[in-house]
């Protein structure tokens, strides 16, 4: 079978489906640096009623939490895209992956425990930096300068 269709004088490659991305499994928590919000607070009503695709709502202690299984080339890609979706649709900045023992480092790849730790630290910086007056550009510039990239 020919891999192209001919339409007039132009060869057109057939449309191919997007490659399937692996499913990333993670918790995404709203844990503010300043105060513990009640996981049943009115600000979460819309998320309780209609969580994002691939997510279910569950309390994480006193915190609002989504348990998610979302596609993404890496864990950070899946987390970032879901955070953006929640911020745009619900006006909420998710700030935590529920990772404890941040000092227990392991270099196990872009989807393992090490990636969870990096994601946790980046989410914390995304929330806490602006509390100190830093913008997103400041944080990105810090990373680029400190990492020499």
Protein backbone atom coordinates (compact mmCIF):
# COMPACT_ATOMS: atom_id res chain seq x y z
CA UNK A 1 0.00 0.00 0.00
CA UNK A 2 1.28 3.46 -0.89
CA UNK A 3 2.12 5.72 2.07
CA UNK A 4 0.86 8.85 0.31
CA UNK A 5 -2.31 9.85 -1.48
CA UNK A 6 -2.11 11.74 -4.70
CA UNK A 7 -4.47 14.67 -5.12
CA UNK A 8 -3.90 16.53 -8.33
CA UNK A 9 -0.21 17.33 -8.70
CA UNK A 10 0.57 17.29 -4.95
CA UNK A 11 1.55 14.32 -2.80
CA UNK A 12 -0.06 14.54 0.62
CA UNK A 13 1.15 12.37 3.49
CA UNK A 14 -1.67 10.68 5.37
CA UNK A 15 -2.56 12.15 8.73
CA UNK A 16 -1.12 10.09 11.54
CA UNK A 17 -2.41 9.92 15.08
CA UNK A 18 -0.48 11.69 17.79
CA UNK A 19 1.90 9.28 19.50
CA UNK A 20 0.48 7.99 22.76
CA UNK A 21 2.17 9.48 25.78
CA UNK A 22 2.74 7.44 28.90
CA UNK A 23 0.29 7.89 31.76
CA UNK A 24 1.83 9.65 34.73
CA UNK A 25 0.37 8.94 38.16
CA UNK A 26 0.58 11.59 40.86
CA UNK A 27 -1.26 13.49 43.56
CA UNK A 28 -1.74 17.21 43.17
CA UNK A 29 -2.52 19.11 46.35
CA UNK A 30 -3.49 22.65 47.22
CA UNK A 31 -1.25 23.31 50.21
CA UNK A 32 -0.67 26.97 50.87
CA UNK A 33 2.46 28.28 52.55
CA UNK A 34 0.27 30.56 54.64
CA UNK A 35 -2.45 28.59 56.40
CA UNK A 36 -4.19 25.26 55.98
CA UNK A 37 -7.32 25.56 53.85
CA UNK A 38 -10.24 23.23 54.59
CA UNK A 39 -10.47 20.66 51.78
CA UNK A 40 -14.24 21.20 51.77
CA UNK A 41 -14.01 25.00 51.45
CA UNK A 42 -16.27 26.68 48.87
CA UNK A 43 -13.29 27.44 46.60
CA UNK A 44 -13.06 23.71 45.81
CA UNK A 45 -16.76 23.06 45.10
CA UNK A 46 -16.38 23.16 41.31
CA UNK A 47 -13.42 20.75 41.43
CA UNK A 48 -15.28 18.35 43.73
CA UNK A 49 -18.25 18.42 41.34
CA UNK A 50 -16.26 18.12 38.10
CA UNK A 51 -12.58 17.18 38.53
CA UNK A 52 -10.27 17.35 35.51
CA UNK A 53 -10.20 14.34 33.21
CA UNK A 54 -8.13 11.50 34.66
CA UNK A 55 -8.40 12.83 38.22
CA UNK A 56 -10.49 12.03 41.26
CA UNK A 57 -10.85 14.17 44.36
CA UNK A 58 -9.78 12.92 47.78
CA UNK A 59 -8.75 14.64 50.99
CA UNK A 60 -5.05 14.52 51.82
CA UNK A 61 -5.19 15.09 55.55
CA UNK A 62 -6.84 18.51 55.79
CA UNK A 63 -5.83 19.46 52.23
CA UNK A 64 -7.70 19.34 48.94
CA UNK A 65 -6.12 16.70 46.70
CA UNK A 66 -6.54 15.32 43.22
CA UNK A 67 -5.31 11.78 42.53
CA UNK A 68 -4.44 11.83 38.85
CA UNK A 69 -3.46 9.63 35.98
CA UNK A 70 -2.65 11.93 33.08
CA UNK A 71 -0.72 11.59 29.83
CA UNK A 72 2.62 13.34 29.54
CA UNK A 73 6.01 12.73 28.01
CA UNK A 74 7.42 13.15 31.54
CA UNK A 75 5.99 13.63 35.02
CA UNK A 76 6.80 17.36 34.96
CA UNK A 77 4.98 17.80 31.62
CA UNK A 78 1.86 16.07 32.95
CA UNK A 79 1.89 18.03 36.23
CA UNK A 80 2.53 21.40 34.56
CA UNK A 81 -0.23 20.97 31.99
CA UNK A 82 -2.74 19.95 34.68
CA UNK A 83 -1.70 22.87 36.90
CA UNK A 84 -2.23 25.26 33.96
CA UNK A 85 -5.66 23.72 33.26
CA UNK A 86 -6.74 24.10 36.89
CA UNK A 87 -5.39 27.65 37.12
CA UNK A 88 -7.24 28.68 33.92
CA UNK A 89 -10.53 26.88 34.59
CA UNK A 90 -10.81 27.16 38.37
CA UNK A 91 -8.48 30.06 39.30
CA UNK A 92 -6.46 27.90 41.69
CA UNK A 93 -2.67 27.49 41.81
CA UNK A 94 -1.93 23.91 42.85
CA UNK A 95 1.20 23.89 44.99
CA UNK A 96 2.17 20.41 46.12
CA UNK A 97 2.69 16.82 45.02
CA UNK A 98 2.51 15.44 48.57
CA UNK A 99 6.19 14.52 48.55
CA UNK A 100 7.93 14.24 51.89
CA UNK A 101 11.61 13.57 52.44
CA UNK A 102 12.79 16.05 49.80
CA UNK A 103 16.36 15.38 50.86
CA UNK A 104 16.06 11.66 49.96
CA UNK A 105 17.41 12.18 46.46
CA UNK A 106 17.49 9.57 43.75
CA UNK A 107 18.48 10.10 40.12
CA UNK A 108 15.97 7.59 38.74
CA UNK A 109 14.81 9.36 35.59
CA UNK A 110 12.17 11.80 34.44
CA UNK A 111 9.22 9.83 35.86
CA UNK A 112 10.53 8.47 39.15
CA UNK A 113 11.00 9.63 42.72
CA UNK A 114 13.63 12.19 41.72
CA UNK A 115 11.16 13.79 39.28
CA UNK A 116 8.54 13.94 42.04
CA UNK A 117 11.01 15.74 44.30
CA UNK A 118 11.97 18.24 41.58
CA UNK A 119 8.27 18.82 40.79
CA UNK A 120 7.51 19.38 44.48
CA UNK A 121 10.29 21.95 44.80
CA UNK A 122 9.23 23.78 41.63
CA UNK A 123 5.57 23.95 42.71
CA UNK A 124 6.64 25.29 46.08
CA UNK A 125 8.79 27.93 44.37
CA UNK A 126 5.90 28.88 42.05
CA UNK A 127 3.74 29.66 45.06
CA UNK A 128 6.27 31.05 47.50
CA UNK A 129 8.37 33.17 45.12
CA UNK A 130 5.51 35.61 44.45
CA UNK A 131 4.83 35.88 48.20
CA UNK A 132 8.31 37.42 48.41
CA UNK A 133 7.89 39.63 45.36
CA UNK A 134 9.52 37.39 42.74
CA UNK A 135 7.75 36.87 39.44
CA UNK A 136 7.87 33.79 37.23
CA UNK A 137 10.50 35.48 35.05
CA UNK A 138 12.67 36.04 38.13
CA UNK A 139 12.47 32.35 39.02
CA UNK A 140 13.25 31.23 35.47
CA UNK A 141 16.19 33.64 35.29
CA UNK A 142 17.46 32.35 38.63
CA UNK A 143 17.41 28.77 37.33
CA UNK A 144 19.10 29.72 34.06
CA UNK A 145 21.79 31.74 35.81
CA UNK A 146 22.44 29.29 38.63
CA UNK A 147 22.49 26.28 36.30
CA UNK A 148 24.63 28.06 33.72
CA UNK A 149 22.25 27.49 30.84
